[in-house]
C-alpha atoms as a PDB file:
ATOM      1  CA  MET A   1      20.427  -1.067  23.640  1.00  0.00           C
ATOM      2  CA  ILE A   2      18.851   0.593  20.618  1.00  0.00           C
ATOM      3  CA  GLY A   3      20.260   3.993  19.743  1.00  0.00           C
ATOM      4  CA  PRO A   4      19.893   6.635  17.032  1.00  0.00           C
ATOM      5  CA  GLU A   5      22.242   4.721  14.740  1.00  0.00           C
ATOM      6  CA  GLN A   6      19.589   1.961  14.420  1.00  0.00           C
ATOM      7  CA  LYS A   7      16.904   4.416  13.276  1.00  0.00           C
ATOM      8  CA  ILE A   8      15.223   3.573   9.973  1.00  0.00           C
ATOM      9  CA  THR A   9      13.852   6.088   7.489  1.00  0.00           C
ATOM     10  CA  ARG A  10      10.162   6.871   7.171  1.00  0.00           C
ATOM     11  CA  ALA A  11      10.108   5.183   3.774  1.00  0.00           C
ATOM     12  CA  GLU A  12      11.619   2.031   5.301  1.00  0.00           C
ATOM     13  CA  ALA A  13       9.067   2.123   8.134  1.00  0.00           C
ATOM     14  CA  LEU A  14       6.238   2.407   5.603  1.00  0.00           C
ATOM     15  CA  LYS A  15       7.605  -0.531   3.609  1.00  0.00           C
ATOM     16  CA  THR A  16       7.739  -2.727   6.734  1.00  0.00           C
ATOM     17  CA  HIS A  17       3.938  -2.462   6.924  1.00  0.00           C
ATOM     18  CA  THR A  18       3.245  -2.712   3.186  1.00  0.00           C
ATOM     19  CA  ILE A  19       5.327  -4.369   0.462  1.00  0.00           C
ATOM     20  CA  TRP A  20       7.879  -6.005   2.772  1.00  0.00           C
ATOM     21  CA  ALA A  21       5.093  -7.477   4.934  1.00  0.00           C
ATOM     22  CA  ALA A  22       3.363  -8.822   1.808  1.00  0.00           C
ATOM     23  CA  TYR A  23       6.668 -10.344   0.646  1.00  0.00           C
ATOM     24  CA  LEU A  24       7.060 -12.180   3.978  1.00  0.00           C
ATOM     25  CA  GLN A  25       3.558 -13.623   3.467  1.00  0.00           C
ATOM     26  CA  PHE A  26       4.392 -14.675  -0.128  1.00  0.00           C
ATOM     27  CA  SER A  27       1.566 -12.369  -1.303  1.00  0.00           C
ATOM     28  CA  GLU A  28       3.427  -9.455  -2.879  1.00  0.00           C
ATOM     29  CA  LYS A  29       1.687 -10.167  -6.212  1.00  0.00           C
ATOM     30  CA  GLN A  30      -1.733  -9.583  -4.593  1.00  0.00           C
ATOM     31  CA  LYS A  31      -1.052  -6.839  -2.025  1.00  0.00           C
ATOM     32  CA  GLY A  32       1.529  -4.556  -0.459  1.00  0.00           C
ATOM     33  CA  SER A  33       1.544  -1.796  -3.075  1.00  0.00           C
ATOM     34  CA  ILE A  34      -0.939   0.172  -5.141  1.00  0.00           C
ATOM     35  CA  GLU A  35      -0.883  -1.331  -8.632  1.00  0.00           C
ATOM     36  CA  PRO A  36      -3.438  -2.503 -11.202  1.00  0.00           C
ATOM     37  CA  GLY A  37      -4.637  -6.013 -10.419  1.00  0.00           C
ATOM     38  CA  LYS A  38      -3.762  -5.910  -6.722  1.00  0.00           C
ATOM     39  CA  LEU A  39      -6.185  -5.721  -3.808  1.00  0.00           C
ATOM     40  CA  ALA A  40      -7.244  -2.150  -3.138  1.00  0.00           C
ATOM     41  CA  ASP A  41      -6.915  -2.311   0.646  1.00  0.00           C
ATOM     42  CA  LEU A  42      -5.462   0.888   2.069  1.00  0.00           C
ATOM     43  CA  VAL A  43      -5.762   3.622   4.656  1.00  0.00           C
ATOM     44  CA  ALA A  44      -5.272   7.273   3.719  1.00  0.00           C
ATOM     45  CA  ILE A  45      -4.201   9.533   6.563  1.00  0.00           C
ATOM     46  CA  ASN A  46      -4.670  13.268   7.095  1.00  0.00           C
ATOM     47  CA  ARG A  47      -1.071  14.308   6.474  1.00  0.00           C
ATOM     48  CA  ASP A  48       1.895  13.458   4.317  1.00  0.00           C
ATOM     49  CA  TYR A  49       3.674  10.904   6.483  1.00  0.00           C
ATOM     50  CA  LEU A  50       6.891  11.198   4.488  1.00  0.00           C
ATOM     51  CA  THR A  51       7.278  14.986   4.816  1.00  0.00           C
ATOM     52  CA  CYS A  52       5.379  16.192   7.898  1.00  0.00           C
ATOM     53  CA  PRO A  53       7.418  17.210  10.953  1.00  0.00           C
ATOM     54  CA  GLU A  54       8.472  14.131  12.913  1.00  0.00           C
ATOM     55  CA  ASP A  55       6.620  15.210  16.052  1.00  0.00           C
ATOM     56  CA  GLN A  56       3.338  15.296  14.066  1.00  0.00           C
ATOM     57  CA  ILE A  57       3.451  11.655  12.935  1.00  0.00           C
ATOM     58  CA  LYS A  58       1.879  10.503  16.214  1.00  0.00           C
ATOM     59  CA  ASP A  59      -1.082  12.823  15.595  1.00  0.00           C
ATOM     60  CA  SER A  60      -1.945  11.291  12.203  1.00  0.00           C
ATOM     61  CA  GLN A  61      -5.575  10.260  11.837  1.00  0.00           C
ATOM     62  CA  PRO A  62      -7.262   8.021   9.255  1.00  0.00           C
ATOM     63  CA  TRP A  63      -9.030  10.015   6.564  1.00  0.00           C
ATOM     64  CA  MET A  64     -10.318   7.122   4.463  1.00  0.00           C
ATOM     65  CA  THR A  65     -10.176   3.315   4.501  1.00  0.00           C
ATOM     66  CA  ILE A  66     -10.657   1.268   1.343  1.00  0.00           C
ATOM     67  CA  LEU A  67     -11.138  -2.521   1.370  1.00  0.00           C
ATOM     68  CA  GLY A  68     -11.559  -4.504  -1.801  1.00  0.00           C
ATOM     69  CA  GLY A  69     -11.777  -1.277  -3.775  1.00  0.00           C
ATOM     70  CA  LYS A  70     -14.744   0.046  -1.751  1.00  0.00           C
ATOM     71  CA  ILE A  71     -14.679   2.933   0.701  1.00  0.00           C
ATOM     72  CA  VAL A  72     -15.610   1.532   4.124  1.00  0.00           C
ATOM     73  CA  PHE A  73     -14.717   4.627   6.167  1.00  0.00           C
ATOM     74  CA  GLN A  74     -14.420   8.304   5.344  1.00  0.00           C
ATOM     75  CA  ALA A  75     -13.840  11.050   7.899  1.00  0.00           C
ATOM     76  CA  ARG A  76     -16.184  13.992   7.807  1.00  0.00           C
END
């Protein structure tokens, strides 16, 4: 059974969907973090995921999506 002692930090959770996922795909030099020369594919959300109250994380909404360096979605 999974209990509170198995909980990961928010930073670790974010890395599982970004740089660590890119590493598992052998593509960490092209994606997984925001750096010059890497793909500019990202989603910006409407709150600071790392500092907002934990019960507000589930209410996060996309604010902007960027693919290949171009904005493909922007909330109004």
